[in-house]
Structures are given as structure tokens and as C-alpha cells.
Amino acid sequence: MSTLNSALSLLQALRAFPEQARALSSLGLAYASLGDAERSLVALNQALVIYQQLGNAAGIATTNNNIREVSQILSSPR
């Protein structure tokens, strides 16, 4: 996780928006795989905003799907 967070910080400093969105998506999926749905949704929603600003339809669709899947995990009985 620290590697992804470090990469994200560098990408933010460089204002490399497409790469930021991909890093945030990866971070969101990593958090989801660790069972941290709340952090996953934060990262995925940040990625979604960037994809929307870029007009990246594929990124928007994929990220919306990932958000839906993580949201289902949150809403399922524990």
C-alpha cells in the first residue's frame, strides 16, 4: 500500500491526471481486497471524479462497476 500511496503522491505533484486515476483505482481495489470497503470507496470515487473530468468513458464505466461491487460488499450482512 505504501508503494501505491507514494506513487499517487508523485503523480499528484506531476499533475498526471490519467495516471492518478489509474493509481487511485488500483488503490481502491487493493483496499477492497484487504476488506477495507470504506477506504476502497474513497479512492474509487476520487478516481471517478478524475475520469469524469477527463471524459474517459471506459474509466468511468469500469470505476462505476467497481464502486457498485464494493458498495454491495458494504451492504451485505456481516
C-alpha atoms as a PDB file:
ATOM      1  CA  MET A   1       0.000   0.000   0.000  1.00  0.00           C
ATOM      2  CA  SER A   2       2.815   2.390   0.796  1.00  0.00           C
ATOM      3  CA  THR A   3       4.177   1.996  -2.738  1.00  0.00           C
ATOM      4  CA  LEU A   4       0.814   2.902  -4.251  1.00  0.00           C
ATOM      5  CA  ASN A   5       0.443   5.869  -1.912  1.00  0.00           C
ATOM      6  CA  SER A   6       3.959   7.075  -2.771  1.00  0.00           C
ATOM      7  CA  ALA A   7       3.263   6.733  -6.480  1.00  0.00           C
ATOM      8  CA  LEU A   8      -0.003   8.618  -6.065  1.00  0.00           C
ATOM      9  CA  SER A   9       1.749  11.488  -4.274  1.00  0.00           C
ATOM     10  CA  LEU A  10       4.285  11.748  -7.083  1.00  0.00           C
ATOM     11  CA  LEU A  11       1.584  11.655  -9.762  1.00  0.00           C
ATOM     12  CA  GLN A  12      -0.357  14.380  -7.955  1.00  0.00           C
ATOM     13  CA  ALA A  13       2.764  16.556  -7.827  1.00  0.00           C
ATOM     14  CA  LEU A  14       3.275  15.997 -11.557  1.00  0.00           C
ATOM     15  CA  ARG A  15      -0.416  16.680 -12.241  1.00  0.00           C
ATOM     16  CA  ALA A  16      -0.514  13.463 -14.280  1.00  0.00           C
ATOM     17  CA  PHE A  17      -4.271  13.070 -14.168  1.00  0.00           C
ATOM     18  CA  PRO A  18      -4.817   9.865 -16.191  1.00  0.00           C
ATOM     19  CA  GLU A  19      -2.139   8.116 -14.152  1.00  0.00           C
ATOM     20  CA  GLN A  20      -3.615   9.490 -10.907  1.00  0.00           C
ATOM     21  CA  ALA A  21      -6.972   7.990 -11.781  1.00  0.00           C
ATOM     22  CA  ARG A  22      -5.398   4.609 -12.524  1.00  0.00           C
ATOM     23  CA  ALA A  23      -3.388   4.706  -9.285  1.00  0.00           C
ATOM     24  CA  LEU A  24      -6.497   5.614  -7.286  1.00  0.00           C
ATOM     25  CA  SER A  25      -8.407   2.778  -8.930  1.00  0.00           C
ATOM     26  CA  SER A  26      -5.617   0.357  -8.063  1.00  0.00           C
ATOM     27  CA  LEU A  27      -5.538   1.668  -4.515  1.00  0.00           C
ATOM     28  CA  GLY A  28      -9.302   1.251  -4.246  1.00  0.00           C
ATOM     29  CA  LEU A  29      -9.123  -2.331  -5.457  1.00  0.00           C
ATOM     30  CA  ALA A  30      -6.247  -3.067  -3.085  1.00  0.00           C
ATOM     31  CA  TYR A  31      -8.234  -1.730  -0.137  1.00  0.00           C
ATOM     32  CA  ALA A  32     -11.228  -3.814  -1.233  1.00  0.00           C
ATOM     33  CA  SER A  33      -9.107  -6.960  -1.383  1.00  0.00           C
ATOM     34  CA  LEU A  34      -7.970  -6.242   2.177  1.00  0.00           C
ATOM     35  CA  GLY A  35     -11.587  -5.902   3.301  1.00  0.00           C
ATOM     36  CA  ASP A  36     -11.459  -2.127   3.816  1.00  0.00           C
ATOM     37  CA  ALA A  37     -14.534  -1.175   1.800  1.00  0.00           C
ATOM     38  CA  GLU A  38     -14.754   2.361   3.193  1.00  0.00           C
ATOM     39  CA  ARG A  39     -11.230   3.309   2.077  1.00  0.00           C
ATOM     40  CA  SER A  40     -11.825   1.500  -1.176  1.00  0.00           C
ATOM     41  CA  LEU A  41     -14.857   3.654  -1.938  1.00  0.00           C
ATOM     42  CA  VAL A  42     -12.987   6.856  -1.096  1.00  0.00           C
ATOM     43  CA  ALA A  43     -10.209   6.017  -3.561  1.00  0.00           C
ATOM     44  CA  LEU A  44     -12.592   4.774  -6.246  1.00  0.00           C
ATOM     45  CA  ASN A  45     -14.759   7.892  -6.000  1.00  0.00           C
ATOM     46  CA  GLN A  46     -11.666  10.083  -6.327  1.00  0.00           C
ATOM     47  CA  ALA A  47     -10.692   8.112  -9.436  1.00  0.00           C
ATOM     48  CA  LEU A  48     -14.207   8.516 -10.815  1.00  0.00           C
ATOM     49  CA  VAL A  49     -14.071  12.312 -10.479  1.00  0.00           C
ATOM     50  CA  ILE A  50     -10.814  12.425 -12.437  1.00  0.00           C
ATOM     51  CA  TYR A  51     -12.112  10.077 -15.141  1.00  0.00           C
ATOM     52  CA  GLN A  52     -15.214  12.284 -15.467  1.00  0.00           C
ATOM     53  CA  GLN A  53     -13.078  15.418 -15.776  1.00  0.00           C
ATOM     54  CA  LEU A  54     -11.005  13.695 -18.464  1.00  0.00           C
ATOM     55  CA  GLY A  55     -14.078  12.420 -20.302  1.00  0.00           C
ATOM     56  CA  ASN A  56     -12.669   8.882 -20.123  1.00  0.00           C
ATOM     57  CA  ALA A  57     -15.766   6.770 -20.773  1.00  0.00           C
ATOM     58  CA  ALA A  58     -14.013   3.435 -20.223  1.00  0.00           C
ATOM     59  CA  GLY A  59     -12.535   4.623 -16.927  1.00  0.00           C
ATOM     60  CA  ILE A  60     -15.919   5.936 -15.809  1.00  0.00           C
ATOM     61  CA  ALA A  61     -17.672   2.661 -16.648  1.00  0.00           C
ATOM     62  CA  THR A  62     -15.045   0.465 -15.006  1.00  0.00           C
ATOM     63  CA  THR A  63     -14.871   2.611 -11.890  1.00  0.00           C
ATOM     64  CA  ASN A  64     -18.666   2.762 -11.559  1.00  0.00           C
ATOM     65  CA  ASN A  65     -18.732  -1.034 -11.761  1.00  0.00           C
ATOM     66  CA  ASN A  66     -16.038  -1.320  -9.079  1.00  0.00           C
ATOM     67  CA  ILE A  67     -17.903   1.149  -6.844  1.00  0.00           C
ATOM     68  CA  ARG A  68     -21.091  -0.892  -7.269  1.00  0.00           C
ATOM     69  CA  GLU A  69     -19.307  -4.117  -6.325  1.00  0.00           C
ATOM     70  CA  VAL A  70     -17.676  -2.597  -3.234  1.00  0.00           C
ATOM     71  CA  SER A  71     -20.984  -0.992  -2.224  1.00  0.00           C
ATOM     72  CA  GLN A  72     -22.632  -4.414  -2.397  1.00  0.00           C
ATOM     73  CA  ILE A  73     -19.977  -5.744  -0.015  1.00  0.00           C
ATOM     74  CA  LEU A  74     -20.752  -2.913   2.407  1.00  0.00           C
ATOM     75  CA  SER A  75     -24.489  -3.530   2.256  1.00  0.00           C
ATOM     76  CA  SER A  76     -24.304  -7.307   2.655  1.00  0.00           C
ATOM     77  CA  PRO A  77     -24.948  -8.757   6.109  1.00  0.00           C
ATOM     78  CA  ARG A  78     -21.830  -9.450   8.079  1.00  0.00           C
END
